[in-house]
Amino acid sequence: MLLDLKQPWRVLARPEEPFFIPKADYEIAGGFMPNIVFHNGTIDRGDGTVELYYGGGDLVTCGARVKISDLLAYLKC
């Protein structure tokens, strides 16, 4: 979801469906907690993209690079 920078309790936009969903075998089969993905951190690359780090299936740490414009388009403002 997108929160207001000065009033972070104020939700500006949110997607209708989750952005992260388990798809890969290691996210679905998992280790201790299968069928789960969870966001761990974000790095703004300064080039219009962000790197998203997430856990997959409570077994591995993964990363994905996403265009900020694609993330904003996914939200329903």
PDB file of N, CA and C in Angstrom:
ATOM      1  N   MET A   1       0.839  -1.167   0.000  1.00  0.00           N
ATOM      2  CA  MET A   1       0.000   0.000   0.000  1.00  0.00           C
ATOM      3  C   MET A   1       0.888   1.236   0.000  1.00  0.00           C
ATOM      4  N   LEU A   2       0.313   2.351  -0.396  1.00  0.00           N
ATOM      5  CA  LEU A   2       1.026   3.623  -0.444  1.00  0.00           C
ATOM      6  C   LEU A   2       0.515   4.500   0.681  1.00  0.00           C
ATOM      7  N   LEU A   3       1.441   4.895   1.573  1.00  0.00           N
ATOM      8  CA  LEU A   3       1.078   5.707   2.730  1.00  0.00           C
ATOM      9  C   LEU A   3       1.552   7.142   2.537  1.00  0.00           C
ATOM     10  N   ASP A   4       0.862   8.070   3.174  1.00  0.00           N
ATOM     11  CA  ASP A   4       1.246   9.474   3.149  1.00  0.00           C
ATOM     12  C   ASP A   4       2.558   9.633   3.911  1.00  0.00           C
ATOM     13  N   LEU A   5       3.504  10.374   3.333  1.00  0.00           N
ATOM     14  CA  LEU A   5       4.822  10.534   3.951  1.00  0.00           C
ATOM     15  C   LEU A   5       4.756  11.270   5.287  1.00  0.00           C
ATOM     16  N   LYS A   6       3.911  12.304   5.387  1.00  0.00           N
ATOM     17  CA  LYS A   6       3.822  13.095   6.613  1.00  0.00           C
ATOM     18  C   LYS A   6       2.812  12.546   7.610  1.00  0.00           C
ATOM     19  N   GLN A   7       1.834  11.792   7.112  1.00  0.00           N
ATOM     20  CA  GLN A   7       0.828  11.166   7.974  1.00  0.00           C
ATOM     21  C   GLN A   7       0.761   9.682   7.608  1.00  0.00           C
ATOM     22  N   PRO A   8       1.727   8.888   8.047  1.00  0.00           N
ATOM     23  CA  PRO A   8       1.836   7.498   7.585  1.00  0.00           C
ATOM     24  C   PRO A   8       0.661   6.597   7.959  1.00  0.00           C
ATOM     25  N   TRP A   9      -0.211   7.033   8.823  1.00  0.00           N
ATOM     26  CA  TRP A   9      -1.416   6.265   9.135  1.00  0.00           C
ATOM     27  C   TRP A   9      -2.486   6.452   8.050  1.00  0.00           C
ATOM     28  N   ARG A  10      -2.264   7.422   7.148  1.00  0.00           N
ATOM     29  CA  ARG A  10      -3.215   7.714   6.068  1.00  0.00           C
ATOM     30  C   ARG A  10      -2.858   6.893   4.826  1.00  0.00           C
ATOM     31  N   VAL A  11      -3.752   6.020   4.417  1.00  0.00           N
ATOM     32  CA  VAL A  11      -3.541   5.176   3.240  1.00  0.00           C
ATOM     33  C   VAL A  11      -3.971   5.955   2.000  1.00  0.00           C
ATOM     34  N   LEU A  12      -3.025   6.142   1.063  1.00  0.00           N
ATOM     35  CA  LEU A  12      -3.316   6.865  -0.175  1.00  0.00           C
ATOM     36  C   LEU A  12      -3.829   5.929  -1.270  1.00  0.00           C
ATOM     37  N   ALA A  13      -3.289   4.732  -1.306  1.00  0.00           N
ATOM     38  CA  ALA A  13      -3.705   3.768  -2.329  1.00  0.00           C
ATOM     39  C   ALA A  13      -3.307   2.372  -1.880  1.00  0.00           C
ATOM     40  N   ARG A  14      -4.038   1.394  -2.403  1.00  0.00           N
ATOM     41  CA  ARG A  14      -3.712  -0.008  -2.120  1.00  0.00           C
ATOM     42  C   ARG A  14      -4.174  -0.856  -3.296  1.00  0.00           C
ATOM     43  N   PRO A  15      -3.494  -1.977  -3.524  1.00  0.00           N
ATOM     44  CA  PRO A  15      -3.908  -2.832  -4.639  1.00  0.00           C
ATOM     45  C   PRO A  15      -5.149  -3.651  -4.266  1.00  0.00           C
ATOM     46  N   GLU A  16      -5.863  -4.095  -5.280  1.00  0.00           N
ATOM     47  CA  GLU A  16      -7.011  -4.968  -5.036  1.00  0.00           C
ATOM     48  C   GLU A  16      -6.573  -6.391  -4.745  1.00  0.00           C
ATOM     49  N   GLU A  17      -5.425  -6.782  -5.282  1.00  0.00           N
ATOM     50  CA  GLU A  17      -4.860  -8.121  -5.071  1.00  0.00           C
ATOM     51  C   GLU A  17      -3.445  -7.984  -4.521  1.00  0.00           C
ATOM     52  N   PRO A  18      -2.945  -8.971  -3.787  1.00  0.00           N
ATOM     53  CA  PRO A  18      -1.568  -8.915  -3.284  1.00  0.00           C
ATOM     54  C   PRO A  18      -0.558  -8.807  -4.423  1.00  0.00           C
ATOM     55  N   PHE A  19       0.522  -8.080  -4.155  1.00  0.00           N
ATOM     56  CA  PHE A  19       1.593  -7.937  -5.135  1.00  0.00           C
ATOM     57  C   PHE A  19       2.493  -9.173  -5.139  1.00  0.00           C
ATOM     58  N   PHE A  20       2.821  -9.646  -3.955  1.00  0.00           N
ATOM     59  CA  PHE A  20       3.635 -10.856  -3.810  1.00  0.00           C
ATOM     60  C   PHE A  20       2.721 -12.047  -3.584  1.00  0.00           C
ATOM     61  N   ILE A  21       2.844 -13.060  -4.421  1.00  0.00           N
ATOM     62  CA  ILE A  21       2.150 -14.318  -4.188  1.00  0.00           C
ATOM     63  C   ILE A  21       3.120 -15.451  -4.499  1.00  0.00           C
ATOM     64  N   PRO A  22       3.052 -16.559  -3.769  1.00  0.00           N
ATOM     65  CA  PRO A  22       3.957 -17.675  -4.028  1.00  0.00           C
ATOM     66  C   PRO A  22       3.710 -18.270  -5.409  1.00  0.00           C
ATOM     67  N   LYS A  23       4.780 -18.391  -6.206  1.00  0.00           N
ATOM     68  CA  LYS A  23       4.670 -18.997  -7.529  1.00  0.00           C
ATOM     69  C   LYS A  23       5.743 -20.054  -7.770  1.00  0.00           C
ATOM     70  N   ALA A  24       6.964 -19.758  -7.350  1.00  0.00           N
ATOM     71  CA  ALA A  24       8.080 -20.675  -7.593  1.00  0.00           C
ATOM     72  C   ALA A  24       7.957 -21.906  -6.693  1.00  0.00           C
ATOM     73  N   ASP A  25       8.537 -23.000  -7.144  1.00  0.00           N
ATOM     74  CA  ASP A  25       8.473 -24.256  -6.373  1.00  0.00           C
ATOM     75  C   ASP A  25       8.978 -24.078  -4.949  1.00  0.00           C
ATOM     76  N   TYR A  26      10.107 -23.352  -4.788  1.00  0.00           N
ATOM     77  CA  TYR A  26      10.680 -23.193  -3.451  1.00  0.00           C
ATOM     78  C   TYR A  26       9.827 -22.276  -2.570  1.00  0.00           C
ATOM     79  N   GLU A  27       8.973 -21.446  -3.157  1.00  0.00           N
ATOM     80  CA  GLU A  27       8.058 -20.620  -2.375  1.00  0.00           C
ATOM     81  C   GLU A  27       6.829 -21.427  -1.950  1.00  0.00           C
ATOM     82  N   ILE A  28       6.408 -22.348  -2.804  1.00  0.00           N
ATOM     83  CA  ILE A  28       5.218 -23.158  -2.532  1.00  0.00           C
ATOM     84  C   ILE A  28       5.545 -24.335  -1.624  1.00  0.00           C
ATOM     85  N   ALA A  29       6.621 -25.069  -1.953  1.00  0.00           N
ATOM     86  CA  ALA A  29       6.997 -26.235  -1.142  1.00  0.00           C
ATOM     87  C   ALA A  29       7.593 -25.781   0.180  1.00  0.00           C
ATOM     88  N   GLY A  30       8.473 -24.791   0.115  1.00  0.00           N
ATOM     89  CA  GLY A  30       9.038 -24.172   1.304  1.00  0.00           C
ATOM     90  C   GLY A  30       9.731 -25.114   2.246  1.00  0.00           C
ATOM     91  N   GLY A  31      10.096 -24.572   3.372  1.00  0.00           N
ATOM     92  CA  GLY A  31      10.750 -25.333   4.428  1.00  0.00           C
ATOM     93  C   GLY A  31       9.815 -25.433   5.608  1.00  0.00           C
ATOM     94  N   PHE A  32      10.063 -24.616   6.608  1.00  0.00           N
ATOM     95  CA  PHE A  32       9.247 -24.608   7.824  1.00  0.00           C
ATOM     96  C   PHE A  32       7.829 -24.092   7.552  1.00  0.00           C
ATOM     97  N   MET A  33       7.697 -23.061   6.694  1.00  0.00           N
ATOM     98  CA  MET A  33       6.396 -22.447   6.413  1.00  0.00           C
ATOM     99  C   MET A  33       6.188 -22.399   4.901  1.00  0.00           C
ATOM    100  N   PRO A  34       5.582 -23.431   4.311  1.00  0.00           N
ATOM    101  CA  PRO A  34       5.382 -23.453   2.856  1.00  0.00           C
ATOM    102  C   PRO A  34       4.270 -22.516   2.397  1.00  0.00           C
ATOM    103  N   ASN A  35       4.278 -22.236   1.091  1.00  0.00           N
ATOM    104  CA  ASN A  35       3.240 -21.440   0.436  1.00  0.00           C
ATOM    105  C   ASN A  35       3.146 -20.022   0.985  1.00  0.00           C
ATOM    106  N   ILE A  36       4.334 -19.385   1.125  1.00  0.00           N
ATOM    107  CA  ILE A  36       4.354 -18.030   1.670  1.00  0.00           C
ATOM    108  C   ILE A  36       5.512 -17.241   1.070  1.00  0.00           C
ATOM    109  N   VAL A  37       5.282 -15.962   0.851  1.00  0.00           N
ATOM    110  CA  VAL A  37       6.335 -15.005   0.523  1.00  0.00           C
ATOM    111  C   VAL A  37       6.120 -13.790   1.420  1.00  0.00           C
ATOM    112  N   PHE A  38       7.200 -13.151   1.842  1.00  0.00           N
ATOM    113  CA  PHE A  38       7.061 -12.007   2.728  1.00  0.00           C
ATOM    114  C   PHE A  38       8.158 -10.999   2.441  1.00  0.00           C
ATOM    115  N   HIS A  39       7.765  -9.745   2.388  1.00  0.00           N
ATOM    116  CA  HIS A  39       8.662  -8.641   2.044  1.00  0.00           C
ATOM    117  C   HIS A  39       9.618  -8.366   3.199  1.00  0.00           C
ATOM    118  N   ASN A  40      10.906  -8.176   2.853  1.00  0.00           N
ATOM    119  CA  ASN A  40      11.914  -7.901   3.872  1.00  0.00           C
ATOM    120  C   ASN A  40      12.520  -6.514   3.771  1.00  0.00           C
ATOM    121  N   GLY A  41      12.560  -5.942   2.574  1.00  0.00           N
ATOM    122  CA  GLY A  41      13.177  -4.628   2.433  1.00  0.00           C
ATOM    123  C   GLY A  41      13.166  -4.153   0.989  1.00  0.00           C
ATOM    124  N   THR A  42      13.381  -2.851   0.837  1.00  0.00           N
ATOM    125  CA  THR A  42      13.362  -2.221  -0.472  1.00  0.00           C
ATOM    126  C   THR A  42      14.531  -1.263  -0.587  1.00  0.00           C
ATOM    127  N   ILE A  43      15.160  -1.245  -1.747  1.00  0.00           N
ATOM    128  CA  ILE A  43      16.233  -0.293  -2.039  1.00  0.00           C
ATOM    129  C   ILE A  43      15.841   0.474  -3.297  1.00  0.00           C
ATOM    130  N   ASP A  44      15.823   1.805  -3.197  1.00  0.00           N
ATOM    131  CA  ASP A  44      15.578   2.658  -4.357  1.00  0.00           C
ATOM    132  C   ASP A  44      16.890   2.760  -5.122  1.00  0.00           C
ATOM    133  N   ARG A  45      16.898   2.298  -6.365  1.00  0.00           N
ATOM    134  CA  ARG A  45      18.123   2.285  -7.167  1.00  0.00           C
ATOM    135  C   ARG A  45      18.420   3.644  -7.797  1.00  0.00           C
ATOM    136  N   GLY A  46      17.475   4.580  -7.726  1.00  0.00           N
ATOM    137  CA  GLY A  46      17.710   5.908  -8.257  1.00  0.00           C
ATOM    138  C   GLY A  46      17.564   6.000  -9.772  1.00  0.00           C
ATOM    139  N   ASP A  47      17.154   4.925 -10.409  1.00  0.00           N
ATOM    140  CA  ASP A  47      16.994   4.905 -11.867  1.00  0.00           C
ATOM    141  C   ASP A  47      15.558   4.588 -12.274  1.00  0.00           C
ATOM    142  N   GLY A  48      14.619   4.828 -11.357  1.00  0.00           N
ATOM    143  CA  GLY A  48      13.217   4.521 -11.641  1.00  0.00           C
ATOM    144  C   GLY A  48      12.828   3.100 -11.277  1.00  0.00           C
ATOM    145  N   THR A  49      13.754   2.373 -10.642  1.00  0.00           N
ATOM    146  CA  THR A  49      13.459   1.009 -10.198  1.00  0.00           C
ATOM    147  C   THR A  49      13.768   0.875  -8.708  1.00  0.00           C
ATOM    148  N   VAL A  50      13.188  -0.157  -8.118  1.00  0.00           N
ATOM    149  CA  VAL A  50      13.509  -0.530  -6.743  1.00  0.00           C
ATOM    150  C   VAL A  50      13.862  -2.009  -6.721  1.00  0.00           C
ATOM    151  N   GLU A  51      14.722  -2.378  -5.799  1.00  0.00           N
ATOM    152  CA  GLU A  51      15.012  -3.791  -5.549  1.00  0.00           C
ATOM    153  C   GLU A  51      14.209  -4.199  -4.328  1.00  0.00           C
ATOM    154  N   LEU A  52      13.415  -5.231  -4.494  1.00  0.00           N
ATOM    155  CA  LEU A  52      12.591  -5.754  -3.413  1.00  0.00           C
ATOM    156  C   LEU A  52      13.202  -7.068  -2.931  1.00  0.00           C
ATOM    157  N   TYR A  53      13.467  -7.152  -1.663  1.00  0.00           N
ATOM    158  CA  TYR A  53      13.997  -8.378  -1.075  1.00  0.00           C
ATOM    159  C   TYR A  53      12.880  -9.059  -0.296  1.00  0.00           C
ATOM    160  N   TYR A  54      12.772 -10.367  -0.469  1.00  0.00           N
ATOM    161  CA  TYR A  54      11.673 -11.085   0.174  1.00  0.00           C
ATOM    162  C   TYR A  54      12.088 -12.509   0.491  1.00  0.00           C
ATOM    163  N   GLY A  55      11.379 -13.082   1.443  1.00  0.00           N
ATOM    164  CA  GLY A  55      11.593 -14.473   1.797  1.00  0.00           C
ATOM    165  C   GLY A  55      10.626 -15.344   1.033  1.00  0.00           C
ATOM    166  N   GLY A  56      11.096 -16.492   0.583  1.00  0.00           N
ATOM    167  CA  GLY A  56      10.261 -17.427  -0.155  1.00  0.00           C
ATOM    168  C   GLY A  56      10.144 -18.747   0.574  1.00  0.00           C
ATOM    169  N   GLY A  57       8.908 -19.109   0.924  1.00  0.00           N
ATOM    170  CA  GLY A  57       8.654 -20.386   1.564  1.00  0.00           C
ATOM    171  C   GLY A  57       9.381 -20.577   2.872  1.00  0.00           C
ATOM    172  N   ASP A  58       9.751 -19.479   3.534  1.00  0.00           N
ATOM    173  CA  ASP A  58      10.507 -19.538   4.783  1.00  0.00           C
ATOM    174  C   ASP A  58      11.770 -20.371   4.616  1.00  0.00           C
ATOM    175  N   LEU A  59      12.318 -20.358   3.387  1.00  0.00           N
ATOM    176  CA  LEU A  59      13.472 -21.197   3.078  1.00  0.00           C
ATOM    177  C   LEU A  59      14.615 -20.407   2.456  1.00  0.00           C
ATOM    178  N   VAL A  60      14.286 -19.426   1.619  1.00  0.00           N
ATOM    179  CA  VAL A  60      15.308 -18.673   0.889  1.00  0.00           C
ATOM    180  C   VAL A  60      14.998 -17.176   0.954  1.00  0.00           C
ATOM    181  N   THR A  61      16.026 -16.366   0.702  1.00  0.00           N
ATOM    182  CA  THR A  61      15.863 -14.938   0.537  1.00  0.00           C
ATOM    183  C   THR A  61      16.016 -14.638  -0.941  1.00  0.00           C
ATOM    184  N   CYS A  62      15.087 -13.864  -1.485  1.00  0.00           N
ATOM    185  CA  CYS A  62      15.040 -13.591  -2.917  1.00  0.00           C
ATOM    186  C   CYS A  62      15.081 -12.093  -3.160  1.00  0.00           C
ATOM    187  N   GLY A  63      15.347 -11.729  -4.397  1.00  0.00           N
ATOM    188  CA  GLY A  63      15.329 -10.330  -4.785  1.00  0.00           C
ATOM    189  C   GLY A  63      14.684 -10.170  -6.143  1.00  0.00           C
ATOM    190  N   ALA A  64      14.057  -9.022  -6.342  1.00  0.00           N
ATOM    191  CA  ALA A  64      13.426  -8.709  -7.626  1.00  0.00           C
ATOM    192  C   ALA A  64      13.586  -7.217  -7.883  1.00  0.00           C
ATOM    193  N   ARG A  65      13.858  -6.860  -9.126  1.00  0.00           N
ATOM    194  CA  ARG A  65      13.924  -5.451  -9.501  1.00  0.00           C
ATOM    195  C   ARG A  65      12.640  -5.109 -10.240  1.00  0.00           C
ATOM    196  N   VAL A  66      11.993  -4.009  -9.805  1.00  0.00           N
ATOM    197  CA  VAL A  66      10.691  -3.623 -10.338  1.00  0.00           C
ATOM    198  C   VAL A  66      10.714  -2.134 -10.675  1.00  0.00           C
ATOM    199  N   LYS A  67      10.061  -1.770 -11.770  1.00  0.00           N
ATOM    200  CA  LYS A  67       9.912  -0.361 -12.116  1.00  0.00           C
ATOM    201  C   LYS A  67       8.916   0.280 -11.148  1.00  0.00           C
ATOM    202  N   ILE A  68       9.269   1.446 -10.637  1.00  0.00           N
ATOM    203  CA  ILE A  68       8.378   2.160  -9.730  1.00  0.00           C
ATOM    204  C   ILE A  68       7.065   2.486 -10.434  1.00  0.00           C
ATOM    205  N   SER A  69       7.135   2.840 -11.699  1.00  0.00           N
ATOM    206  CA  SER A  69       5.906   3.155 -12.451  1.00  0.00           C
ATOM    207  C   SER A  69       4.981   1.944 -12.518  1.00  0.00           C
ATOM    208  N   ASP A  70       5.536   0.728 -12.606  1.00  0.00           N
ATOM    209  CA  ASP A  70       4.704  -0.478 -12.606  1.00  0.00           C
ATOM    210  C   ASP A  70       4.042  -0.694 -11.252  1.00  0.00           C
ATOM    211  N   LEU A  71       4.782  -0.429 -10.172  1.00  0.00           N
ATOM    212  CA  LEU A  71       4.195  -0.555  -8.827  1.00  0.00           C
ATOM    213  C   LEU A  71       3.050   0.431  -8.639  1.00  0.00           C
ATOM    214  N   LEU A  72       3.257   1.675  -9.046  1.00  0.00           N
ATOM    215  CA  LEU A  72       2.215   2.688  -8.888  1.00  0.00           C
ATOM    216  C   LEU A  72       1.000   2.372  -9.752  1.00  0.00           C
ATOM    217  N   ALA A  73       1.211   1.835 -10.937  1.00  0.00           N
ATOM    218  CA  ALA A  73       0.099   1.465 -11.808  1.00  0.00           C
ATOM    219  C   ALA A  73      -0.712   0.324 -11.203  1.00  0.00           C
ATOM    220  N   TYR A  74      -0.066  -0.531 -10.416  1.00  0.00           N
ATOM    221  CA  TYR A  74      -0.730  -1.666  -9.778  1.00  0.00           C
ATOM    222  C   TYR A  74      -1.685  -1.212  -8.669  1.00  0.00           C
ATOM    223  N   LEU A  75      -1.369  -0.062  -8.066  1.00  0.00           N
ATOM    224  CA  LEU A  75      -2.205   0.462  -6.988  1.00  0.00           C
ATOM    225  C   LEU A  75      -3.466   1.095  -7.559  1.00  0.00           C
ATOM    226  N   LYS A  76      -4.521   1.077  -6.780  1.00  0.00           N
ATOM    227  CA  LYS A  76      -5.761   1.722  -7.173  1.00  0.00           C
ATOM    228  C   LYS A  76      -5.889   3.025  -6.368  1.00  0.00           C
ATOM    229  N   CYS A  77      -5.593   4.142  -6.994  1.00  0.00           N
ATOM    230  CA  CYS A  77      -5.615   5.442  -6.313  1.00  0.00           C
ATOM    231  C   CYS A  77      -7.006   6.025  -6.287  1.00  0.00           C
TER     232      CYS A  77
END
